[in-house]
Protein backbone atom coordinates (compact mmCIF):
# COMPACT_ATOMS: atom_id res chain seq x y z
CA MET A 1 96.70 148.81 194.39
CA THR A 2 98.52 151.06 191.92
CA THR A 3 99.89 154.46 192.90
CA ALA A 4 100.71 157.37 190.66
CA THR A 5 104.47 156.25 190.42
CA ASP A 6 103.38 152.71 189.20
CA ALA A 7 101.50 154.11 186.14
CA LEU A 8 102.81 153.15 182.76
CA LEU A 9 101.75 156.46 181.19
CA ARG A 10 101.25 159.81 182.80
CA VAL A 11 99.22 162.84 181.47
CA GLU A 12 101.31 165.90 181.85
CA LYS A 13 98.67 168.36 180.73
CA GLY A 14 94.99 168.10 180.36
CA ASN A 15 92.61 165.09 180.97
CA ALA A 16 92.90 162.01 178.91
CA ALA A 17 90.10 159.57 178.64
CA PRO A 18 90.77 155.83 179.31
CA GLU A 19 90.11 155.20 175.63
CA GLU A 20 92.71 157.80 174.62
CA LEU A 21 95.31 156.23 176.91
CA ALA A 22 94.48 152.75 175.59
CA ALA A 23 94.87 154.00 171.98
CA ILE A 24 98.24 155.64 172.56
CA THR A 25 99.38 152.58 174.47
CA ALA A 26 98.38 150.33 171.64
CA ILE A 27 100.30 152.41 169.18
CA LEU A 28 103.48 152.62 171.38
CA LEU A 29 103.33 148.86 171.93
CA ALA A 30 102.94 148.22 168.21
CA ARG A 31 105.83 150.43 167.30
CA ALA A 32 108.06 148.86 169.91
CA ALA A 33 107.21 145.33 168.63
CA ALA A 34 107.79 146.07 164.98
CA THR A 35 111.03 144.70 163.64
CA PRO A 36 113.02 147.19 161.57
CA GLU A 37 113.80 146.17 158.02
CA GLU A 38 117.38 145.10 157.50
CA THR A 39 119.25 147.25 155.03
CA PRO A 40 121.50 145.40 152.73
CA VAL A 41 125.12 145.99 153.51
CA GLY A 42 126.80 147.12 150.41
CA VAL A 43 130.17 148.52 149.43
CA PRO A 44 130.18 152.30 149.25
CA ARG A 45 130.76 153.74 145.77
CA GLN A 46 132.82 156.69 147.00
CA ALA A 47 135.48 156.75 149.62
CA GLY A 48 134.66 158.26 152.96
CA TRP A 49 137.86 160.33 152.96
CA ARG A 50 139.31 162.81 150.49
CA ARG A 51 142.77 163.51 149.19
CA LEU A 52 143.63 167.00 150.46
CA GLU A 53 146.33 167.44 147.74
CA ARG A 54 143.61 167.28 145.09
CA THR A 55 141.55 170.05 146.64
CA PRO A 56 142.09 173.76 145.88
CA GLY A 57 143.88 175.78 148.49
CA PHE A 58 141.28 178.35 148.91
CA ARG A 59 137.57 177.92 149.47
CA ALA A 60 135.22 180.92 149.41
CA PRO A 61 133.50 181.60 152.74
CA HIS A 62 130.10 181.01 151.12
CA SER A 63 131.28 177.63 149.64
CA TRP A 64 129.11 174.62 150.42
CA GLN A 65 132.23 172.56 150.92
CA GLY A 66 133.40 174.49 153.93
């Protein structure tokens, strides 16, 4: 016997047919089982920090570097 609290999915608004619940369950399980592609670990081409003595002393308020 299953109760409302034991359900895997819950419809918040509207009425979902059993076929619709089965379809969304299959999609969610397929996405959960998919393994993400490993991205190659490389050396960054640019340093993650900047030298403050090389930056101008004033930046305009509309500057993208703000």
